C-alpha atoms as a PDB file:
ATOM      1  CA  MET A   1      34.123 -26.490  99.135  1.00  0.00           C
ATOM      2  CA  ILE A   2      33.285 -23.655  96.906  1.00  0.00           C
ATOM      3  CA  SER A   3      35.927 -21.342  95.562  1.00  0.00           C
ATOM      4  CA  GLU A   4      36.191 -17.625  96.506  1.00  0.00           C
ATOM      5  CA  SER A   5      35.680 -16.969  92.839  1.00  0.00           C
ATOM      6  CA  ILE A   6      32.695 -19.199  92.585  1.00  0.00           C
ATOM      7  CA  TRP A   7      31.153 -16.998  95.870  1.00  0.00           C
ATOM      8  CA  LYS A   8      31.619 -14.055  94.037  1.00  0.00           C
ATOM      9  CA  SER A   9      29.776 -15.227  90.890  1.00  0.00           C
ATOM     10  CA  LEU A  10      26.959 -16.625  93.007  1.00  0.00           C
ATOM     11  CA  LEU A  11      26.891 -13.187  94.921  1.00  0.00           C
ATOM     12  CA  ALA A  12      26.831 -10.945  91.948  1.00  0.00           C
ATOM     13  CA  PHE A  13      23.962 -13.166  90.326  1.00  0.00           C
ATOM     14  CA  ALA A  14      21.619 -12.840  93.423  1.00  0.00           C
ATOM     15  CA  SER A  15      22.163  -9.058  93.479  1.00  0.00           C
ATOM     16  CA  LEU A  16      21.298  -8.917  89.913  1.00  0.00           C
ATOM     17  CA  ILE A  17      18.203 -10.869  90.614  1.00  0.00           C
ATOM     18  CA  ALA A  18      17.475  -8.605  93.332  1.00  0.00           C
ATOM     19  CA  VAL A  19      17.547  -5.081  91.645  1.00  0.00           C
ATOM     20  CA  MET A  20      15.392  -7.092  88.504  1.00  0.00           C
ATOM     21  CA  ALA A  21      12.421  -7.993  91.280  1.00  0.00           C
ATOM     22  CA  VAL A  22      12.491  -4.240  92.566  1.00  0.00           C
ATOM     23  CA  VAL A  23      12.276  -3.038  88.703  1.00  0.00           C
ATOM     24  CA  LEU A  24       9.954  -5.554  87.390  1.00  0.00           C
ATOM     25  CA  PHE A  25       7.745  -6.038  90.392  1.00  0.00           C
ATOM     26  CA  PRO A  26       7.852  -2.746  92.426  1.00  0.00           C
ATOM     27  CA  LYS A  27       5.992  -2.562  95.717  1.00  0.00           C
ATOM     28  CA  SER A  28       3.624  -0.272  94.171  1.00  0.00           C
ATOM     29  CA  VAL A  29       1.698  -2.591  92.445  1.00  0.00           C
ATOM     30  CA  SER A  30       0.721  -5.013  95.430  1.00  0.00           C
ATOM     31  CA  ALA A  31      -2.708  -5.406  95.315  1.00  0.00           C
ATOM     32  CA  ALA A  32      -5.212  -4.087  98.307  1.00  0.00           C
ATOM     33  CA  PRO A  33      -5.780  -6.321 100.726  1.00  0.00           C
ATOM     34  CA  ALA A  34      -9.061  -7.837 101.352  1.00  0.00           C
ATOM     35  CA  ASP A  35      -9.258  -6.867 104.751  1.00  0.00           C
ATOM     36  CA  GLU A  36      -8.800  -2.965 103.994  1.00  0.00           C
ATOM     37  CA  GLU A  37     -11.790  -0.884 103.852  1.00  0.00           C
ATOM     38  CA  ILE A  38     -12.831  -0.006 100.766  1.00  0.00           C
ATOM     39  CA  VAL A  39     -14.833   3.272 100.633  1.00  0.00           C
ATOM     40  CA  ILE A  40     -17.721   3.306  98.012  1.00  0.00           C
ATOM     41  CA  VAL A  41     -19.570   6.473  97.388  1.00  0.00           C
ATOM     42  CA  ALA A  42     -23.207   6.404  95.826  1.00  0.00           C
ATOM     43  CA  PHE A  43     -23.267   9.538  93.921  1.00  0.00           C
ATOM     44  CA  GLY A  44     -26.866  10.443  92.545  1.00  0.00           C
ATOM     45  CA  ASP A  45     -30.321  12.144  92.882  1.00  0.00           C
ATOM     46  CA  SER A  46     -33.327  11.082  94.943  1.00  0.00           C
ATOM     47  CA  LEU A  47     -32.813   7.856  94.206  1.00  0.00           C
ATOM     48  CA  THR A  48     -29.732   7.260  95.904  1.00  0.00           C
ATOM     49  CA  ALA A  49     -30.515  10.292  98.899  1.00  0.00           C
ATOM     50  CA  GLY A  50     -33.792   8.198  99.730  1.00  0.00           C
ATOM     51  CA  TYR A  51     -36.414  10.442  99.218  1.00  0.00           C
ATOM     52  CA  GLN A  52     -39.149  10.278 101.943  1.00  0.00           C
ATOM     53  CA  LEU A  53     -37.761   7.302 103.554  1.00  0.00           C
ATOM     54  CA  PRO A  54     -36.192   6.638 106.924  1.00  0.00           C
ATOM     55  CA  PRO A  55     -32.519   7.304 106.740  1.00  0.00           C
ATOM     56  CA  ASP A  56     -31.681   4.015 107.521  1.00  0.00           C
ATOM     57  CA  ALA A  57     -33.771   2.553 104.620  1.00  0.00           C
ATOM     58  CA  ALA A  58     -31.861   4.723 102.069  1.00  0.00           C
ATOM     59  CA  TYR A  59     -29.987   2.372  99.389  1.00  0.00           C
ATOM     60  CA  PRO A  60     -26.645   3.289 100.419  1.00  0.00           C
ATOM     61  CA  VAL A  61     -27.147   2.232 103.747  1.00  0.00           C
ATOM     62  CA  GLN A  62     -29.072  -0.974 102.731  1.00  0.00           C
ATOM     63  CA  LEU A  63     -26.331  -1.552 100.192  1.00  0.00           C
ATOM     64  CA  GLU A  64     -23.315  -1.731 102.546  1.00  0.00           C
ATOM     65  CA  LYS A  65     -25.443  -3.690 104.974  1.00  0.00           C
ATOM     66  CA  ALA A  66     -25.903  -6.286 102.087  1.00  0.00           C
ATOM     67  CA  LEU A  67     -22.112  -6.142 101.506  1.00  0.00           C
ATOM     68  CA  LYS A  68     -21.049  -6.591 104.952  1.00  0.00           C
ATOM     69  CA  ALA A  69     -23.477  -9.461 105.369  1.00  0.00           C
ATOM     70  CA  LYS A  70     -21.394 -10.979 102.500  1.00  0.00           C
ATOM     71  CA  GLY A  71     -17.944 -10.475 104.503  1.00  0.00           C
ATOM     72  CA  TYR A  72     -16.713  -6.956 102.859  1.00  0.00           C
ATOM     73  CA  HIS A  73     -15.043  -4.337 104.645  1.00  0.00           C
ATOM     74  CA  VAL A  74     -17.127  -1.570 103.211  1.00  0.00           C
ATOM     75  CA  ARG A  75     -18.334   1.787 103.668  1.00  0.00           C
ATOM     76  CA  VAL A  76     -20.879   3.311 101.508  1.00  0.00           C
ATOM     77  CA  VAL A  77     -21.290   6.972 101.609  1.00  0.00           C
ATOM     78  CA  ASN A  78     -24.682   8.479 100.484  1.00  0.00           C
ATOM     79  CA  ALA A  79     -24.104  11.367  98.486  1.00  0.00           C
ATOM     80  CA  GLY A  80     -27.085  11.857  96.820  1.00  0.00           C
ATOM     81  CA  ALA A  81     -29.094  14.958  96.426  1.00  0.00           C
ATOM     82  CA  SER A  82     -32.812  15.006  95.619  1.00  0.00           C
ATOM     83  CA  GLY A  83     -34.013  16.894  92.463  1.00  0.00           C
ATOM     84  CA  ASP A  84     -30.278  16.765  90.941  1.00  0.00           C
ATOM     85  CA  THR A  85     -29.828  16.648  87.123  1.00  0.00           C
ATOM     86  CA  ALA A  86     -26.366  15.579  85.885  1.00  0.00           C
ATOM     87  CA  ALA A  87     -25.331  18.935  85.415  1.00  0.00           C
ATOM     88  CA  ASN A  88     -26.321  19.608  89.151  1.00  0.00           C
ATOM     89  CA  GLY A  89     -24.075  16.755  90.022  1.00  0.00           C
ATOM     90  CA  LEU A  90     -21.303  18.071  88.007  1.00  0.00           C
ATOM     91  CA  ALA A  91     -21.633  21.366  89.638  1.00  0.00           C
ATOM     92  CA  ARG A  92     -21.342  19.797  93.281  1.00  0.00           C
ATOM     93  CA  PHE A  93     -18.978  17.059  92.501  1.00  0.00           C
ATOM     94  CA  ASP A  94     -15.525  19.021  93.961  1.00  0.00           C
ATOM     95  CA  TRP A  95     -16.759  19.815  97.042  1.00  0.00           C
ATOM     96  CA  THR A  96     -19.287  16.362  97.729  1.00  0.00           C
ATOM     97  CA  MET A  97     -16.798  14.091  96.416  1.00  0.00           C
ATOM     98  CA  PRO A  98     -15.227  12.471  99.343  1.00  0.00           C
ATOM     99  CA  LYS A  99     -11.286  12.445  99.271  1.00  0.00           C
ATOM    100  CA  ASP A 100     -11.129   8.889 100.612  1.00  0.00           C
ATOM    101  CA  ALA A 101     -13.102   7.530  97.769  1.00  0.00           C
ATOM    102  CA  ASP A 102     -12.249   4.403  96.048  1.00  0.00           C
ATOM    103  CA  ALA A 103     -15.217   3.545  94.033  1.00  0.00           C
ATOM    104  CA  VAL A 104     -18.152   5.326  92.699  1.00  0.00           C
ATOM    105  CA  ILE A 105     -21.866   4.345  92.011  1.00  0.00           C
ATOM    106  CA  LEU A 106     -22.721   7.238  89.752  1.00  0.00           C
ATOM    107  CA  GLU A 107     -26.715   7.170  89.129  1.00  0.00           C
ATOM    108  CA  LEU A 108     -27.915  10.718  87.436  1.00  0.00           C
ATOM    109  CA  GLY A 109     -30.055  11.087  84.503  1.00  0.00           C
ATOM    110  CA  ALA A 110     -33.588  10.487  85.821  1.00  0.00           C
ATOM    111  CA  ASN A 111     -34.142  14.102  86.391  1.00  0.00           C
ATOM    112  CA  ASP A 112     -32.645  15.250  83.070  1.00  0.00           C
ATOM    113  CA  ALA A 113     -35.425  12.608  81.188  1.00  0.00           C
ATOM    114  CA  LEU A 114     -38.108  13.892  83.414  1.00  0.00           C
ATOM    115  CA  ARG A 115     -37.640  17.526  82.329  1.00  0.00           C
ATOM    116  CA  GLY A 116     -36.819  16.492  78.620  1.00  0.00           C
ATOM    117  CA  ILE A 117     -33.382  17.567  78.925  1.00  0.00           C
ATOM    118  CA  PRO A 118     -31.241  17.547  75.303  1.00  0.00           C
ATOM    119  CA  ILE A 119     -29.289  14.483  75.675  1.00  0.00           C
ATOM    120  CA  ALA A 120     -26.316  16.029  74.287  1.00  0.00           C
ATOM    121  CA  GLU A 121     -26.533  18.213  77.389  1.00  0.00           C
ATOM    122  CA  THR A 122     -26.911  15.275  79.759  1.00  0.00           C
ATOM    123  CA  ARG A 123     -23.857  13.178  78.078  1.00  0.00           C
ATOM    124  CA  LYS A 124     -21.695  16.376  78.566  1.00  0.00           C
ATOM    125  CA  ALA A 125     -22.399  16.499  81.926  1.00  0.00           C
ATOM    126  CA  LEU A 126     -21.925  12.743  83.136  1.00  0.00           C
ATOM    127  CA  GLY A 127     -19.080  12.759  80.858  1.00  0.00           C
ATOM    128  CA  LYS A 128     -16.852  15.490  82.993  1.00  0.00           C
ATOM    129  CA  ILE A 129     -17.943  13.576  86.026  1.00  0.00           C
ATOM    130  CA  LEU A 130     -16.818  10.259  84.567  1.00  0.00           C
ATOM    131  CA  LYS A 131     -13.537  11.797  83.801  1.00  0.00           C
ATOM    132  CA  ARG A 132     -12.733  13.757  86.817  1.00  0.00           C
ATOM    133  CA  LEU A 133     -13.362  10.449  88.532  1.00  0.00           C
ATOM    134  CA  LYS A 134     -11.197   8.995  86.081  1.00  0.00           C
ATOM    135  CA  ALA A 135      -8.141  11.362  86.610  1.00  0.00           C
ATOM    136  CA  ARG A 136      -8.470  10.577  90.634  1.00  0.00           C
ATOM    137  CA  ASN A 137      -8.296   7.006  89.627  1.00  0.00           C
ATOM    138  CA  ILE A 138     -11.499   6.071  91.075  1.00  0.00           C
ATOM    139  CA  GLU A 139     -13.292   2.996  89.851  1.00  0.00           C
ATOM    140  CA  VAL A 140     -16.900   4.083  88.890  1.00  0.00           C
ATOM    141  CA  LEU A 141     -20.011   1.792  88.075  1.00  0.00           C
ATOM    142  CA  LEU A 142     -22.238   3.702  86.145  1.00  0.00           C
ATOM    143  CA  ALA A 143     -25.937   2.958  86.614  1.00  0.00           C
ATOM    144  CA  GLY A 144     -28.331   3.804  83.699  1.00  0.00           C
ATOM    145  CA  MET A 145     -31.715   5.090  83.759  1.00  0.00           C
ATOM    146  CA  GLU A 146     -34.705   4.991  81.502  1.00  0.00           C
ATOM    147  CA  ALA A 147     -36.679   7.783  79.746  1.00  0.00           C
ATOM    148  CA  PRO A 148     -40.025   8.317  79.704  1.00  0.00           C
ATOM    149  CA  ARG A 149     -41.806   7.310  76.437  1.00  0.00           C
ATOM    150  CA  ASN A 150     -43.600  10.903  76.166  1.00  0.00           C
ATOM    151  CA  TRP A 151     -40.643  12.108  74.566  1.00  0.00           C
ATOM    152  CA  GLY A 152     -40.821   9.687  71.635  1.00  0.00           C
ATOM    153  CA  GLU A 153     -39.015   6.673  71.357  1.00  0.00           C
ATOM    154  CA  ASP A 154     -35.761   8.453  69.679  1.00  0.00           C
ATOM    155  CA  TYR A 155     -35.184  10.261  72.936  1.00  0.00           C
ATOM    156  CA  VAL A 156     -35.806   6.690  74.833  1.00  0.00           C
ATOM    157  CA  GLU A 157     -33.198   4.853  72.737  1.00  0.00           C
ATOM    158  CA  GLN A 158     -30.497   7.610  72.636  1.00  0.00           C
ATOM    159  CA  PHE A 159     -30.961   8.054  76.167  1.00  0.00           C
ATOM    160  CA  ARG A 160     -30.109   4.572  76.798  1.00  0.00           C
ATOM    161  CA  ALA A 161     -27.555   4.154  74.614  1.00  0.00           C
ATOM    162  CA  MET A 162     -26.125   7.082  75.970  1.00  0.00           C
ATOM    163  CA  TYR A 163     -25.235   5.097  79.074  1.00  0.00           C
ATOM    164  CA  LYS A 164     -23.226   2.191  77.197  1.00  0.00           C
ATOM    165  CA  SER A 165     -21.088   4.552  75.366  1.00  0.00           C
ATOM    166  CA  LEU A 166     -20.276   6.646  78.156  1.00  0.00           C
ATOM    167  CA  ALA A 167     -19.182   3.540  80.077  1.00  0.00           C
ATOM    168  CA  GLN A 168     -17.181   2.114  77.494  1.00  0.00           C
ATOM    169  CA  GLU A 169     -15.564   5.370  76.473  1.00  0.00           C
ATOM    170  CA  ASN A 170     -14.535   5.600  80.406  1.00  0.00           C
ATOM    171  CA  GLY A 171     -13.564   2.311  81.376  1.00  0.00           C
ATOM    172  CA  ALA A 172     -16.534   2.063  83.523  1.00  0.00           C
ATOM    173  CA  LEU A 173     -18.771  -0.923  84.925  1.00  0.00           C
ATOM    174  CA  LEU A 174     -22.210  -0.674  83.723  1.00  0.00           C
ATOM    175  CA  TYR A 175     -25.226  -1.385  85.554  1.00  0.00           C
ATOM    176  CA  PRO A 176     -27.850  -0.962  82.530  1.00  0.00           C
ATOM    177  CA  PHE A 177     -30.952   0.368  84.411  1.00  0.00           C
ATOM    178  CA  PHE A 178     -30.974   0.985  88.201  1.00  0.00           C
ATOM    179  CA  LEU A 179     -34.744   0.546  88.616  1.00  0.00           C
ATOM    180  CA  GLN A 180     -34.531  -2.818  87.215  1.00  0.00           C
ATOM    181  CA  GLY A 181     -37.337  -4.900  88.593  1.00  0.00           C
ATOM    182  CA  VAL A 182     -38.943  -1.971  90.388  1.00  0.00           C
ATOM    183  CA  ALA A 183     -40.164   0.404  88.084  1.00  0.00           C
ATOM    184  CA  LEU A 184     -43.860   0.669  87.570  1.00  0.00           C
ATOM    185  CA  ASP A 185     -44.669  -1.476  89.896  1.00  0.00           C
ATOM    186  CA  SER A 186     -46.994   0.173  92.525  1.00  0.00           C
ATOM    187  CA  SER A 187     -46.240  -2.045  95.593  1.00  0.00           C
ATOM    188  CA  LEU A 188     -42.684  -1.216  95.148  1.00  0.00           C
ATOM    189  CA  ASN A 189     -42.709   2.342  95.045  1.00  0.00           C
ATOM    190  CA  LEU A 190     -44.047   5.363  96.693  1.00  0.00           C
ATOM    191  CA  GLY A 191     -47.507   6.912  95.835  1.00  0.00           C
ATOM    192  CA  ASP A 192     -45.700   8.903  93.325  1.00  0.00           C
ATOM    193  CA  GLY A 193     -44.861   6.222  91.222  1.00  0.00           C
ATOM    194  CA  LEU A 194     -41.395   7.415  90.711  1.00  0.00           C
ATOM    195  CA  HIS A 195     -39.453   6.771  94.152  1.00  0.00           C
ATOM    196  CA  PRO A 196     -38.959   3.247  95.518  1.00  0.00           C
ATOM    197  CA  ASN A 197     -40.186   2.423  99.036  1.00  0.00           C
ATOM    198  CA  ALA A 198     -37.998   0.426 101.475  1.00  0.00           C
ATOM    199  CA  LYS A 199     -39.230  -3.000  99.560  1.00  0.00           C
ATOM    200  CA  GLY A 200     -38.515  -1.408  96.571  1.00  0.00           C
ATOM    201  CA  VAL A 201     -35.356  -0.390  97.680  1.00  0.00           C
ATOM    202  CA  LEU A 202     -34.358  -4.246  98.990  1.00  0.00           C
ATOM    203  CA  ILE A 203     -34.785  -5.427  95.252  1.00  0.00           C
ATOM    204  CA  ILE A 204     -32.369  -2.464  93.819  1.00  0.00           C
ATOM    205  CA  VAL A 205     -29.887  -3.475  96.164  1.00  0.00           C
ATOM    206  CA  GLU A 206     -30.335  -7.345  95.561  1.00  0.00           C
ATOM    207  CA  ARG A 207     -30.174  -6.410  92.070  1.00  0.00           C
ATOM    208  CA  ILE A 208     -27.059  -4.276  91.823  1.00  0.00           C
ATOM    209  CA  LEU A 209     -25.269  -6.347  94.208  1.00  0.00           C
ATOM    210  CA  LEU A 210     -23.348  -9.020  91.837  1.00  0.00           C
ATOM    211  CA  ASP A 211     -21.999  -5.656  89.924  1.00  0.00           C
ATOM    212  CA  VAL A 212     -21.204  -3.850  92.906  1.00  0.00           C
ATOM    213  CA  GLU A 213     -19.002  -6.889  93.998  1.00  0.00           C
ATOM    214  CA  ARG A 214     -17.261  -6.507  90.574  1.00  0.00           C
ATOM    215  CA  LEU A 215     -16.455  -2.826  91.536  1.00  0.00           C
ATOM    216  CA  ILE A 216     -15.042  -3.863  94.497  1.00  0.00           C
ATOM    217  CA  ASP A 217     -12.902  -6.807  92.751  1.00  0.00           C
ATOM    218  CA  ARG A 218     -11.237  -3.946  90.539  1.00  0.00           C
ATOM    219  CA  VAL A 219     -10.410  -1.940  93.558  1.00  0.00           C
ATOM    220  CA  ARG A 220      -8.922  -4.704  95.298  1.00  0.00           C
ATOM    221  CA  ALA A 221      -6.806  -5.199  92.247  1.00  0.00           C
ATOM    222  CA  LYS A 222      -5.349  -1.727  92.581  1.00  0.00           C
ATOM    223  CA  PRO A 223      -2.491  -0.591  94.642  1.00  0.00           C
ATOM    224  CA  ARG A 224      -2.901  -0.239  98.381  1.00  0.00           C
ATOM    225  CA  LYS A 225      -3.403   3.137  99.534  1.00  0.00           C
ATOM    226  CA  GLY A 226      -0.098   5.047 100.408  1.00  0.00           C
ATOM    227  CA  SER A 227       2.139   2.565  98.843  1.00  0.00           C
END
């Protein structure tokens, strides 16, 4: 038989353990379950919007399809606007970014490079977007772009380096070149040579998919919604 004093000691110890569990392992740090829908916002320009493509051929639609085929419970929102520069994206950020966004694939800068906008201006706008996303605790995959060679090698190199430094400064994942494997291939682009056709979109999705899965892993590791 256990004496009353021993029982009281055991109960006191159990209570202490319970309190420590609440303090050290609060409910709010539990990871989001794998079956909870993850909302990914594809925020960008015409490359995201699906310029001159049928709606179901746009990259956000095809990305969602590819992710679901791998068993992910996701919804990919198309928040692309043709012609947008980084500054344009910043200007519309507050009213176009869905409130339920869990993650964002940020694809902007192509139009800045085509127009030769000073890199400092593009960097400033992208930096502000990234900071707003960070303030909302939204995970980000930053999709880099390449500048045309007619602006000179210095511009090209600084433009490329801009994405790497922005990703590092803001804790974002980086996909170095959104059009990797598609740019300059006439069979994968529309007649303008700038925008991917339906086949090109599939290549983009195939190549970026692994990085998007890493983005999803980051979301899942965070507290579940409403906890």
